[in-house]
Amino acid sequence: MKTLIVGLLALCSLSTMGSSVRFVRSLSFSGVRYLSVVDDGTRLDDLYDRFNALCLNSDVKASDVNVKKVNNTWCVLVGDKVLVSVTKADAKVHNSSAQKLAEKWASTVAKNVEEVKPLR
């Protein structure tokens, strides 16, 4: 019995080798949750940096937010700059196609972007 348990533990540890830990984390600002991405540790931080640079600008309008395929990946753009790209993992977690998820995220950003005010 002891050998069986040790063998099962070894098998379990082998099956998880090489896998990375991923979390679903949300981009929220001023009480609004804009989108949730699969994050391996730095993606959400990078997304917050891009959101701050692109969206915390008083000249940004809802019409500036759009969806486009960039390098064969569906993305949400603000003007001509990529805010976020939809990964296969994002689409899987949200049970959606990448294009539909990008459209959903863009809609949420567009609805709220004109109300976002930078902290001063």
N, C-alpha and C. Protein backbone atom coordinates (compact mmCIF):
# COMPACT_ATOMS: atom_id res chain seq x y z
N MET A 1 0.83 -1.19 0.00
CA MET A 1 0.00 0.00 0.00
C MET A 1 0.88 1.26 0.00
N LYS A 2 1.93 1.23 0.81
CA LYS A 2 2.84 2.36 0.90
C LYS A 2 3.50 2.62 -0.46
N THR A 3 3.87 1.57 -1.16
CA THR A 3 4.50 1.70 -2.46
C THR A 3 3.53 2.31 -3.47
N LEU A 4 2.28 1.92 -3.40
CA LEU A 4 1.25 2.44 -4.30
C LEU A 4 1.07 3.94 -4.10
N ILE A 5 1.03 4.39 -2.85
CA ILE A 5 0.85 5.82 -2.55
C ILE A 5 2.06 6.61 -3.04
N VAL A 6 3.25 6.13 -2.79
CA VAL A 6 4.47 6.81 -3.23
C VAL A 6 4.49 6.87 -4.76
N GLY A 7 4.09 5.80 -5.42
CA GLY A 7 4.04 5.77 -6.88
C GLY A 7 3.05 6.78 -7.43
N LEU A 8 1.88 6.89 -6.81
CA LEU A 8 0.87 7.85 -7.24
C LEU A 8 1.35 9.28 -7.05
N LEU A 9 2.01 9.55 -5.94
CA LEU A 9 2.55 10.89 -5.70
C LEU A 9 3.60 11.24 -6.75
N ALA A 10 4.46 10.29 -7.08
CA ALA A 10 5.48 10.53 -8.10
C ALA A 10 4.83 10.79 -9.45
N LEU A 11 3.81 10.04 -9.79
CA LEU A 11 3.10 10.23 -11.05
C LEU A 11 2.42 11.60 -11.10
N CYS A 12 1.82 12.00 -10.01
CA CYS A 12 1.17 13.32 -9.95
C CYS A 12 2.19 14.44 -10.12
N SER A 13 3.34 14.31 -9.49
CA SER A 13 4.35 15.37 -9.61
C SER A 13 4.91 15.42 -11.03
N LEU A 14 5.03 14.29 -11.70
CA LEU A 14 5.49 14.29 -13.09
C LEU A 14 4.48 14.96 -14.01
N SER A 15 3.21 14.76 -13.74
CA SER A 15 2.19 15.33 -14.63
C SER A 15 2.09 16.84 -14.51
N THR A 16 2.57 17.42 -13.41
CA THR A 16 2.51 18.87 -13.26
C THR A 16 3.83 19.55 -13.58
N MET A 17 4.87 18.79 -13.89
CA MET A 17 6.16 19.39 -14.22
C MET A 17 6.03 20.19 -15.51
N GLY A 18 6.58 21.37 -15.51
CA GLY A 18 6.56 22.20 -16.71
C GLY A 18 5.31 23.04 -16.85
N SER A 19 4.33 22.80 -16.03
CA SER A 19 3.13 23.63 -16.13
C SER A 19 3.35 24.91 -15.34
N SER A 20 2.76 25.99 -15.80
CA SER A 20 2.92 27.25 -15.10
C SER A 20 1.62 27.61 -14.39
N VAL A 21 1.74 28.37 -13.36
CA VAL A 21 0.57 28.80 -12.61
C VAL A 21 -0.03 30.01 -13.30
N ARG A 22 -1.31 29.97 -13.54
CA ARG A 22 -2.00 31.08 -14.19
C ARG A 22 -3.24 31.42 -13.39
N PHE A 23 -3.54 32.69 -13.34
CA PHE A 23 -4.70 33.16 -12.62
C PHE A 23 -5.53 34.03 -13.56
N VAL A 24 -6.81 34.08 -13.30
CA VAL A 24 -7.66 35.02 -14.01
C VAL A 24 -7.76 36.25 -13.13
N ARG A 25 -7.29 37.38 -13.66
CA ARG A 25 -7.27 38.63 -12.89
C ARG A 25 -7.97 39.71 -13.70
N SER A 26 -8.54 40.67 -13.00
CA SER A 26 -9.36 41.69 -13.65
C SER A 26 -8.72 43.06 -13.63
N LEU A 27 -8.91 43.77 -14.74
CA LEU A 27 -8.54 45.18 -14.84
C LEU A 27 -9.74 45.98 -14.37
N SER A 28 -9.58 46.69 -13.27
CA SER A 28 -10.64 47.52 -12.72
C SER A 28 -10.11 48.92 -12.50
N PHE A 29 -10.97 49.89 -12.71
CA PHE A 29 -10.58 51.27 -12.48
C PHE A 29 -11.82 52.06 -12.12
N SER A 30 -11.74 52.86 -11.07
CA SER A 30 -12.87 53.68 -10.60
C SER A 30 -14.14 52.86 -10.40
N GLY A 31 -13.96 51.66 -9.87
CA GLY A 31 -15.10 50.81 -9.55
C GLY A 31 -15.69 50.05 -10.72
N VAL A 32 -15.10 50.17 -11.89
CA VAL A 32 -15.60 49.47 -13.07
C VAL A 32 -14.62 48.36 -13.44
N ARG A 33 -15.15 47.13 -13.61
CA ARG A 33 -14.31 46.03 -14.07
C ARG A 33 -14.40 45.99 -15.59
N TYR A 34 -13.28 46.25 -16.24
CA TYR A 34 -13.25 46.34 -17.70
C TYR A 34 -13.11 44.99 -18.37
N LEU A 35 -12.23 44.15 -17.85
CA LEU A 35 -12.00 42.86 -18.47
C LEU A 35 -11.20 41.98 -17.52
N SER A 36 -11.25 40.68 -17.79
CA SER A 36 -10.49 39.71 -17.00
C SER A 36 -9.60 38.92 -17.94
N VAL A 37 -8.32 38.83 -17.60
CA VAL A 37 -7.35 38.14 -18.44
C VAL A 37 -6.69 37.00 -17.68
N VAL A 38 -6.20 36.04 -18.43
CA VAL A 38 -5.38 34.99 -17.84
C VAL A 38 -4.00 35.59 -17.66
N ASP A 39 -3.52 35.55 -16.43
CA ASP A 39 -2.27 36.23 -16.07
C ASP A 39 -1.28 35.24 -15.50
N ASP A 40 -0.07 35.26 -16.04
CA ASP A 40 0.98 34.38 -15.53
C ASP A 40 1.90 35.08 -14.56
N GLY A 41 1.56 36.30 -14.18
CA GLY A 41 2.36 37.02 -13.19
C GLY A 41 2.60 38.48 -13.53
N THR A 42 2.77 38.81 -14.80
CA THR A 42 3.06 40.19 -15.15
C THR A 42 2.07 40.80 -16.14
N ARG A 43 1.24 40.01 -16.73
CA ARG A 43 0.35 40.51 -17.79
C ARG A 43 -0.58 41.61 -17.29
N LEU A 44 -1.19 41.42 -16.13
CA LEU A 44 -2.12 42.44 -15.63
C LEU A 44 -1.38 43.74 -15.31
N ASP A 45 -0.19 43.64 -14.75
CA ASP A 45 0.59 44.85 -14.47
C ASP A 45 0.88 45.62 -15.76
N ASP A 46 1.27 44.89 -16.79
CA ASP A 46 1.53 45.52 -18.09
C ASP A 46 0.25 46.14 -18.66
N LEU A 47 -0.86 45.46 -18.48
CA LEU A 47 -2.14 45.97 -18.96
C LEU A 47 -2.53 47.26 -18.23
N TYR A 48 -2.32 47.30 -16.93
CA TYR A 48 -2.58 48.54 -16.18
C TYR A 48 -1.72 49.69 -16.70
N ASP A 49 -0.45 49.41 -16.99
CA ASP A 49 0.43 50.44 -17.53
C ASP A 49 -0.10 50.97 -18.86
N ARG A 50 -0.51 50.06 -19.75
CA ARG A 50 -1.06 50.50 -21.04
C ARG A 50 -2.38 51.23 -20.87
N PHE A 51 -3.23 50.76 -19.95
CA PHE A 51 -4.50 51.43 -19.70
C PHE A 51 -4.26 52.86 -19.22
N ASN A 52 -3.34 53.01 -18.29
CA ASN A 52 -3.00 54.35 -17.79
C ASN A 52 -2.49 55.25 -18.90
N ALA A 53 -1.63 54.72 -19.75
CA ALA A 53 -1.04 55.53 -20.83
C ALA A 53 -2.06 55.87 -21.91
N LEU A 54 -2.94 54.93 -22.23
CA LEU A 54 -3.86 55.13 -23.35
C LEU A 54 -5.22 55.72 -22.97
N CYS A 55 -5.71 55.37 -21.82
CA CYS A 55 -7.10 55.73 -21.48
C CYS A 55 -7.22 56.89 -20.51
N LEU A 56 -6.19 57.19 -19.76
CA LEU A 56 -6.27 58.29 -18.82
C LEU A 56 -5.85 59.59 -19.49
N ASN A 57 -6.48 59.84 -20.60
CA ASN A 57 -6.20 61.00 -21.42
C ASN A 57 -7.54 61.65 -21.71
N SER A 58 -7.69 62.91 -21.40
CA SER A 58 -8.98 63.57 -21.54
C SER A 58 -9.47 63.63 -22.98
N ASP A 59 -8.58 63.38 -23.94
CA ASP A 59 -8.97 63.43 -25.34
C ASP A 59 -9.51 62.10 -25.87
N VAL A 60 -9.47 61.04 -25.09
CA VAL A 60 -9.92 59.73 -25.55
C VAL A 60 -11.45 59.70 -25.59
N LYS A 61 -11.98 59.25 -26.71
CA LYS A 61 -13.43 59.13 -26.92
C LYS A 61 -13.78 57.67 -27.11
N ALA A 62 -15.03 57.35 -26.89
CA ALA A 62 -15.51 55.97 -27.08
C ALA A 62 -15.23 55.49 -28.50
N SER A 63 -15.34 56.39 -29.45
CA SER A 63 -15.12 56.01 -30.85
C SER A 63 -13.66 55.68 -31.15
N ASP A 64 -12.74 56.00 -30.23
CA ASP A 64 -11.33 55.66 -30.40
C ASP A 64 -11.05 54.19 -30.10
N VAL A 65 -11.99 53.52 -29.43
CA VAL A 65 -11.81 52.13 -29.03
C VAL A 65 -12.33 51.23 -30.15
N ASN A 66 -11.48 50.31 -30.60
CA ASN A 66 -11.90 49.42 -31.67
C ASN A 66 -11.24 48.06 -31.54
N VAL A 67 -11.69 47.14 -32.37
CA VAL A 67 -11.18 45.77 -32.39
C VAL A 67 -10.53 45.53 -33.75
N LYS A 68 -9.37 44.90 -33.71
CA LYS A 68 -8.65 44.64 -34.95
C LYS A 68 -7.76 43.41 -34.76
N LYS A 69 -7.55 42.70 -35.83
CA LYS A 69 -6.61 41.58 -35.79
C LYS A 69 -5.22 42.12 -36.08
N VAL A 70 -4.31 41.94 -35.13
CA VAL A 70 -2.93 42.40 -35.25
C VAL A 70 -2.02 41.18 -35.13
N ASN A 71 -1.19 40.97 -36.15
CA ASN A 71 -0.30 39.80 -36.16
C ASN A 71 -1.06 38.51 -35.87
N ASN A 72 -2.23 38.38 -36.50
CA ASN A 72 -3.07 37.19 -36.39
C ASN A 72 -3.67 36.97 -35.00
N THR A 73 -3.73 38.04 -34.19
CA THR A 73 -4.31 37.96 -32.85
C THR A 73 -5.33 39.08 -32.70
N TRP A 74 -6.51 38.74 -32.19
CA TRP A 74 -7.54 39.76 -31.97
C TRP A 74 -7.15 40.65 -30.81
N CYS A 75 -7.26 41.96 -31.02
CA CYS A 75 -6.83 42.94 -30.02
C CYS A 75 -7.87 44.04 -29.85
N VAL A 76 -7.83 44.67 -28.68
CA VAL A 76 -8.58 45.89 -28.42
C VAL A 76 -7.59 47.03 -28.55
N LEU A 77 -7.92 48.00 -29.39
CA LEU A 77 -7.05 49.14 -29.62
C LEU A 77 -7.71 50.41 -29.13
N VAL A 78 -6.88 51.35 -28.70
CA VAL A 78 -7.31 52.71 -28.40
C VAL A 78 -6.53 53.57 -29.38
N GLY A 79 -7.26 54.13 -30.34
CA GLY A 79 -6.60 54.79 -31.45
C GLY A 79 -5.90 53.72 -32.27
N ASP A 80 -4.62 53.87 -32.48
CA ASP A 80 -3.87 52.87 -33.22
C ASP A 80 -2.93 52.07 -32.33
N LYS A 81 -3.13 52.15 -31.01
CA LYS A 81 -2.27 51.45 -30.04
C LYS A 81 -3.03 50.30 -29.40
N VAL A 82 -2.35 49.16 -29.28
CA VAL A 82 -2.96 47.98 -28.67
C VAL A 82 -3.08 48.17 -27.16
N LEU A 83 -4.30 48.02 -26.65
CA LEU A 83 -4.54 48.01 -25.21
C LEU A 83 -4.32 46.60 -24.68
N VAL A 84 -4.98 45.62 -25.32
CA VAL A 84 -4.88 44.24 -24.86
C VAL A 84 -5.13 43.30 -26.04
N SER A 85 -4.41 42.20 -26.03
CA SER A 85 -4.64 41.16 -27.03
C SER A 85 -5.35 39.99 -26.34
N VAL A 86 -6.18 39.30 -27.09
CA VAL A 86 -6.92 38.15 -26.56
C VAL A 86 -6.10 36.90 -26.85
N THR A 87 -5.71 36.21 -25.80
CA THR A 87 -4.95 34.97 -25.96
C THR A 87 -5.91 33.79 -26.10
N LYS A 88 -5.38 32.66 -26.52
CA LYS A 88 -6.19 31.43 -26.58
C LYS A 88 -6.70 31.08 -25.20
N ALA A 89 -5.86 31.28 -24.19
CA ALA A 89 -6.26 30.97 -22.81
C ALA A 89 -7.41 31.88 -22.36
N ASP A 90 -7.37 33.16 -22.74
CA ASP A 90 -8.47 34.07 -22.40
C ASP A 90 -9.77 33.57 -23.00
N ALA A 91 -9.73 33.26 -24.30
CA ALA A 91 -10.93 32.81 -24.99
C ALA A 91 -11.48 31.52 -24.36
N LYS A 92 -10.58 30.62 -23.99
CA LYS A 92 -11.00 29.36 -23.38
C LYS A 92 -11.67 29.59 -22.03
N VAL A 93 -11.04 30.42 -21.20
CA VAL A 93 -11.59 30.70 -19.86
C VAL A 93 -12.96 31.36 -19.96
N HIS A 94 -13.14 32.23 -20.96
CA HIS A 94 -14.40 32.95 -21.12
C HIS A 94 -15.38 32.20 -22.01
N ASN A 95 -14.99 30.99 -22.46
CA ASN A 95 -15.85 30.17 -23.30
C ASN A 95 -16.37 30.97 -24.49
N SER A 96 -15.43 31.57 -25.20
CA SER A 96 -15.76 32.49 -26.29
C SER A 96 -14.72 32.37 -27.39
N SER A 97 -15.05 32.90 -28.55
CA SER A 97 -14.02 33.04 -29.58
C SER A 97 -13.19 34.27 -29.24
N ALA A 98 -11.99 34.33 -29.76
CA ALA A 98 -11.12 35.48 -29.49
C ALA A 98 -11.75 36.77 -30.02
N GLN A 99 -12.35 36.71 -31.19
CA GLN A 99 -12.96 37.91 -31.77
C GLN A 99 -14.12 38.40 -30.93
N LYS A 100 -15.00 37.51 -30.52
CA LYS A 100 -16.16 37.91 -29.69
C LYS A 100 -15.71 38.48 -28.36
N LEU A 101 -14.68 37.89 -27.77
CA LEU A 101 -14.18 38.39 -26.48
C LEU A 101 -13.57 39.77 -26.65
N ALA A 102 -12.81 39.98 -27.71
CA ALA A 102 -12.23 41.30 -27.99
C ALA A 102 -13.34 42.33 -28.16
N GLU A 103 -14.41 41.96 -28.86
CA GLU A 103 -15.54 42.87 -29.05
C GLU A 103 -16.22 43.21 -27.73
N LYS A 104 -16.35 42.21 -26.87
CA LYS A 104 -16.96 42.43 -25.55
C LYS A 104 -16.10 43.37 -24.71
N TRP A 105 -14.81 43.12 -24.67
CA TRP A 105 -13.90 43.97 -23.92
C TRP A 105 -13.90 45.40 -24.46
N ALA A 106 -13.86 45.53 -25.78
CA ALA A 106 -13.86 46.86 -26.40
C ALA A 106 -15.13 47.62 -26.06
N SER A 107 -16.25 46.93 -26.06
CA SER A 107 -17.52 47.56 -25.72
C SER A 107 -17.50 48.11 -24.30
N THR A 108 -16.98 47.32 -23.37
CA THR A 108 -16.90 47.77 -21.98
C THR A 108 -15.98 48.97 -21.84
N VAL A 109 -14.83 48.93 -22.49
CA VAL A 109 -13.89 50.05 -22.42
C VAL A 109 -14.54 51.29 -23.05
N ALA A 110 -15.17 51.13 -24.21
CA ALA A 110 -15.77 52.27 -24.92
C ALA A 110 -16.89 52.92 -24.09
N LYS A 111 -17.69 52.10 -23.40
CA LYS A 111 -18.80 52.63 -22.59
C LYS A 111 -18.30 53.51 -21.45
N ASN A 112 -17.09 53.23 -20.97
CA ASN A 112 -16.62 53.89 -19.75
C ASN A 112 -15.43 54.82 -19.93
N VAL A 113 -14.76 54.76 -21.06
CA VAL A 113 -13.48 55.45 -21.20
C VAL A 113 -13.59 56.98 -21.07
N GLU A 114 -14.71 57.55 -21.48
CA GLU A 114 -14.84 59.00 -21.39
C GLU A 114 -15.07 59.48 -19.96
N GLU A 115 -15.48 58.55 -19.09
CA GLU A 115 -15.72 58.91 -17.68
C GLU A 115 -14.50 58.71 -16.81
N VAL A 116 -13.50 58.03 -17.32
CA VAL A 116 -12.29 57.76 -16.54
C VAL A 116 -11.49 59.05 -16.39
N LYS A 117 -11.18 59.35 -15.14
CA LYS A 117 -10.39 60.56 -14.86
C LYS A 117 -9.10 60.16 -14.18
N PRO A 118 -8.00 60.73 -14.60
CA PRO A 118 -6.73 60.42 -13.93
C PRO A 118 -6.70 60.96 -12.52
N LEU A 119 -5.99 60.26 -11.65
CA LEU A 119 -5.81 60.75 -10.27
C LEU A 119 -4.74 61.83 -10.30
N ARG A 120 -5.00 62.94 -9.68
CA ARG A 120 -4.02 64.05 -9.70
C ARG A 120 -3.63 64.41 -8.31
